[in-house]
Amino acid sequence: MARLVEAEAEPLALVMAESDWCWETDALVLAESDRVRLCCSLAAAESESLSEAFWLSSFLETLIDVIWLAASDRLLVSASS
């Protein structure tokens, strides 16, 4: 409200108030842009981590299958000996 009263009193104050408003609006737009960029970066990092986790999970399952097969082969060999 103080800015409006000043703006009515002096035309220069109106320009300054409008300039402040534009600067604040620009700052908000830039902040939102930074927030979106950071969210996209985070989403990309999360996606990459999930992809690596999926690969590791698949590798672990394969490794467990190989261990079980090797163990059952050993049992067959020791049972036949």
N, C-alpha and C. Protein backbone atom coordinates (compact mmCIF):
# COMPACT_ATOMS: atom_id res chain seq x y z
N MET A 1 0.82 -1.19 0.00
CA MET A 1 0.00 0.00 0.00
C MET A 1 0.86 1.25 0.00
N ALA A 2 1.99 1.20 0.68
CA ALA A 2 2.87 2.37 0.74
C ALA A 2 3.37 2.72 -0.65
N ARG A 3 3.64 1.73 -1.46
CA ARG A 3 4.10 1.99 -2.83
C ARG A 3 3.02 2.67 -3.65
N LEU A 4 1.76 2.26 -3.45
CA LEU A 4 0.67 2.88 -4.20
C LEU A 4 0.51 4.34 -3.83
N VAL A 5 0.62 4.65 -2.57
CA VAL A 5 0.50 6.04 -2.13
C VAL A 5 1.64 6.85 -2.72
N GLU A 6 2.85 6.31 -2.69
CA GLU A 6 3.99 7.00 -3.26
C GLU A 6 3.81 7.16 -4.77
N ALA A 7 3.27 6.16 -5.41
CA ALA A 7 3.09 6.21 -6.84
C ALA A 7 2.11 7.30 -7.24
N GLU A 8 1.09 7.51 -6.44
CA GLU A 8 0.13 8.57 -6.74
C GLU A 8 0.79 9.93 -6.55
N ALA A 9 1.73 10.02 -5.64
CA ALA A 9 2.37 11.30 -5.35
C ALA A 9 3.42 11.65 -6.41
N GLU A 10 4.18 10.68 -6.88
CA GLU A 10 5.26 10.96 -7.82
C GLU A 10 5.24 9.96 -8.97
N PRO A 11 5.26 10.44 -10.21
CA PRO A 11 5.29 9.52 -11.35
C PRO A 11 6.56 8.66 -11.37
N LEU A 12 7.68 9.21 -10.89
CA LEU A 12 8.92 8.44 -10.85
C LEU A 12 8.79 7.24 -9.92
N ALA A 13 8.07 7.43 -8.82
CA ALA A 13 7.86 6.33 -7.88
C ALA A 13 7.07 5.21 -8.53
N LEU A 14 6.13 5.57 -9.40
CA LEU A 14 5.35 4.55 -10.12
C LEU A 14 6.27 3.72 -11.01
N VAL A 15 7.17 4.38 -11.71
CA VAL A 15 8.12 3.67 -12.56
C VAL A 15 9.01 2.77 -11.72
N MET A 16 9.47 3.28 -10.58
CA MET A 16 10.33 2.48 -9.71
C MET A 16 9.58 1.29 -9.13
N ALA A 17 8.32 1.52 -8.73
CA ALA A 17 7.52 0.42 -8.19
C ALA A 17 7.29 -0.64 -9.26
N GLU A 18 7.01 -0.19 -10.49
CA GLU A 18 6.81 -1.13 -11.59
C GLU A 18 8.12 -1.87 -11.89
N SER A 19 9.21 -1.16 -11.82
CA SER A 19 10.52 -1.78 -12.04
C SER A 19 10.80 -2.84 -10.98
N ASP A 20 10.50 -2.53 -9.71
CA ASP A 20 10.67 -3.51 -8.64
C ASP A 20 9.79 -4.73 -8.88
N TRP A 21 8.56 -4.48 -9.30
CA TRP A 21 7.63 -5.58 -9.55
C TRP A 21 8.15 -6.46 -10.68
N CYS A 22 8.66 -5.83 -11.75
CA CYS A 22 9.20 -6.61 -12.88
C CYS A 22 10.41 -7.42 -12.43
N TRP A 23 11.27 -6.81 -11.62
CA TRP A 23 12.45 -7.52 -11.13
C TRP A 23 12.04 -8.71 -10.28
N GLU A 24 11.05 -8.50 -9.41
CA GLU A 24 10.58 -9.59 -8.54
C GLU A 24 9.94 -10.70 -9.38
N THR A 25 9.18 -10.31 -10.39
CA THR A 25 8.57 -11.30 -11.27
C THR A 25 9.63 -12.08 -12.03
N ASP A 26 10.63 -11.37 -12.55
CA ASP A 26 11.73 -12.04 -13.24
C ASP A 26 12.46 -13.00 -12.31
N ALA A 27 12.67 -12.57 -11.08
CA ALA A 27 13.35 -13.43 -10.10
C ALA A 27 12.53 -14.69 -9.83
N LEU A 28 11.21 -14.54 -9.74
CA LEU A 28 10.35 -15.71 -9.53
C LEU A 28 10.40 -16.66 -10.72
N VAL A 29 10.38 -16.10 -11.92
CA VAL A 29 10.45 -16.93 -13.13
C VAL A 29 11.78 -17.67 -13.18
N LEU A 30 12.87 -16.98 -12.87
CA LEU A 30 14.18 -17.63 -12.87
C LEU A 30 14.27 -18.71 -11.79
N ALA A 31 13.71 -18.43 -10.63
CA ALA A 31 13.72 -19.42 -9.54
C ALA A 31 12.91 -20.66 -9.94
N GLU A 32 11.78 -20.45 -10.59
CA GLU A 32 10.96 -21.58 -11.04
C GLU A 32 11.70 -22.37 -12.11
N SER A 33 12.37 -21.67 -13.00
CA SER A 33 13.16 -22.33 -14.03
C SER A 33 14.27 -23.18 -13.41
N ASP A 34 14.95 -22.63 -12.41
CA ASP A 34 15.99 -23.39 -11.71
C ASP A 34 15.40 -24.61 -11.01
N ARG A 35 14.23 -24.44 -10.42
CA ARG A 35 13.58 -25.56 -9.72
C ARG A 35 13.24 -26.68 -10.70
N VAL A 36 12.70 -26.31 -11.85
CA VAL A 36 12.34 -27.31 -12.86
C VAL A 36 13.60 -28.01 -13.38
N ARG A 37 14.66 -27.24 -13.62
CA ARG A 37 15.92 -27.82 -14.10
C ARG A 37 16.48 -28.81 -13.08
N LEU A 38 16.45 -28.42 -11.80
CA LEU A 38 16.95 -29.31 -10.75
C LEU A 38 16.10 -30.57 -10.62
N CYS A 39 14.78 -30.40 -10.75
CA CYS A 39 13.89 -31.57 -10.68
C CYS A 39 14.17 -32.53 -11.84
N CYS A 40 14.42 -31.97 -13.03
CA CYS A 40 14.73 -32.82 -14.19
C CYS A 40 16.06 -33.53 -13.98
N SER A 41 17.04 -32.82 -13.43
CA SER A 41 18.33 -33.44 -13.15
C SER A 41 18.18 -34.56 -12.13
N LEU A 42 17.38 -34.31 -11.11
CA LEU A 42 17.14 -35.32 -10.08
C LEU A 42 16.43 -36.53 -10.68
N ALA A 43 15.44 -36.28 -11.54
CA ALA A 43 14.71 -37.38 -12.17
C ALA A 43 15.65 -38.21 -13.05
N ALA A 44 16.55 -37.53 -13.77
CA ALA A 44 17.50 -38.26 -14.62
C ALA A 44 18.45 -39.11 -13.77
N ALA A 45 18.93 -38.54 -12.68
CA ALA A 45 19.83 -39.29 -11.79
C ALA A 45 19.10 -40.47 -11.17
N GLU A 46 17.86 -40.25 -10.78
CA GLU A 46 17.06 -41.33 -10.18
C GLU A 46 16.82 -42.44 -11.20
N SER A 47 16.51 -42.05 -12.43
CA SER A 47 16.28 -43.04 -13.49
C SER A 47 17.54 -43.85 -13.75
N GLU A 48 18.68 -43.18 -13.78
CA GLU A 48 19.95 -43.88 -13.99
C GLU A 48 20.24 -44.85 -12.83
N SER A 49 19.97 -44.41 -11.61
CA SER A 49 20.18 -45.27 -10.44
C SER A 49 19.27 -46.49 -10.49
N LEU A 50 18.02 -46.27 -10.87
CA LEU A 50 17.08 -47.40 -10.97
C LEU A 50 17.52 -48.37 -12.06
N SER A 51 18.03 -47.83 -13.15
CA SER A 51 18.51 -48.70 -14.22
C SER A 51 19.69 -49.54 -13.74
N GLU A 52 20.61 -48.91 -13.03
CA GLU A 52 21.75 -49.66 -12.48
C GLU A 52 21.28 -50.69 -11.46
N ALA A 53 20.31 -50.32 -10.64
CA ALA A 53 19.80 -51.25 -9.63
C ALA A 53 19.13 -52.45 -10.31
N PHE A 54 18.40 -52.20 -11.39
CA PHE A 54 17.75 -53.29 -12.12
C PHE A 54 18.81 -54.23 -12.71
N TRP A 55 19.86 -53.64 -13.30
CA TRP A 55 20.94 -54.45 -13.86
C TRP A 55 21.59 -55.30 -12.78
N LEU A 56 21.88 -54.69 -11.63
CA LEU A 56 22.51 -55.44 -10.53
C LEU A 56 21.59 -56.54 -10.02
N SER A 57 20.30 -56.25 -9.95
CA SER A 57 19.33 -57.25 -9.50
C SER A 57 19.30 -58.43 -10.47
N SER A 58 19.29 -58.15 -11.76
CA SER A 58 19.30 -59.22 -12.77
C SER A 58 20.58 -60.03 -12.69
N PHE A 59 21.70 -59.34 -12.51
CA PHE A 59 22.98 -60.02 -12.39
C PHE A 59 22.99 -60.93 -11.16
N LEU A 60 22.47 -60.43 -10.05
CA LEU A 60 22.43 -61.21 -8.81
C LEU A 60 21.56 -62.45 -8.98
N GLU A 61 20.41 -62.30 -9.63
CA GLU A 61 19.54 -63.46 -9.88
C GLU A 61 20.26 -64.51 -10.73
N THR A 62 20.97 -64.06 -11.76
CA THR A 62 21.72 -64.99 -12.61
C THR A 62 22.82 -65.68 -11.81
N LEU A 63 23.51 -64.93 -11.00
CA LEU A 63 24.57 -65.49 -10.17
C LEU A 63 24.02 -66.53 -9.20
N ILE A 64 22.89 -66.25 -8.60
CA ILE A 64 22.26 -67.21 -7.68
C ILE A 64 21.87 -68.48 -8.43
N ASP A 65 21.32 -68.33 -9.64
CA ASP A 65 20.96 -69.50 -10.44
C ASP A 65 22.19 -70.35 -10.76
N VAL A 66 23.29 -69.69 -11.11
CA VAL A 66 24.54 -70.41 -11.42
C VAL A 66 25.04 -71.15 -10.19
N ILE A 67 24.99 -70.50 -9.03
CA ILE A 67 25.44 -71.14 -7.79
C ILE A 67 24.59 -72.37 -7.48
N TRP A 68 23.27 -72.24 -7.62
CA TRP A 68 22.39 -73.39 -7.36
C TRP A 68 22.67 -74.53 -8.33
N LEU A 69 22.87 -74.20 -9.60
CA LEU A 69 23.17 -75.25 -10.58
C LEU A 69 24.50 -75.93 -10.26
N ALA A 70 25.49 -75.14 -9.90
CA ALA A 70 26.80 -75.72 -9.55
C ALA A 70 26.67 -76.59 -8.30
N ALA A 71 25.89 -76.14 -7.33
CA ALA A 71 25.71 -76.92 -6.10
C ALA A 71 25.00 -78.24 -6.40
N SER A 72 23.99 -78.20 -7.25
CA SER A 72 23.27 -79.45 -7.56
C SER A 72 24.16 -80.39 -8.37
N ASP A 73 25.01 -79.84 -9.25
CA ASP A 73 25.97 -80.69 -9.98
C ASP A 73 26.94 -81.34 -9.03
N ARG A 74 27.41 -80.61 -8.04
CA ARG A 74 28.33 -81.17 -7.04
C ARG A 74 27.66 -82.29 -6.26
N LEU A 75 26.39 -82.08 -5.92
CA LEU A 75 25.66 -83.13 -5.19
C LEU A 75 25.54 -84.39 -6.03
N LEU A 76 25.25 -84.23 -7.32
CA LEU A 76 25.15 -85.40 -8.20
C LEU A 76 26.49 -86.12 -8.32
N VAL A 77 27.56 -85.36 -8.45
CA VAL A 77 28.89 -85.96 -8.58
C VAL A 77 29.26 -86.69 -7.30
N SER A 78 29.02 -86.05 -6.15
CA SER A 78 29.38 -86.69 -4.87
C SER A 78 28.46 -87.88 -4.57
N ALA A 79 27.22 -87.84 -5.02
CA ALA A 79 26.30 -88.96 -4.79
C ALA A 79 26.68 -90.16 -5.66
N SER A 80 27.16 -89.89 -6.86
CA SER A 80 27.52 -91.00 -7.75
C SER A 80 28.90 -91.58 -7.41
N SER A 81 29.70 -90.87 -6.63
CA SER A 81 31.04 -91.38 -6.28
C SER A 81 31.00 -92.37 -5.20
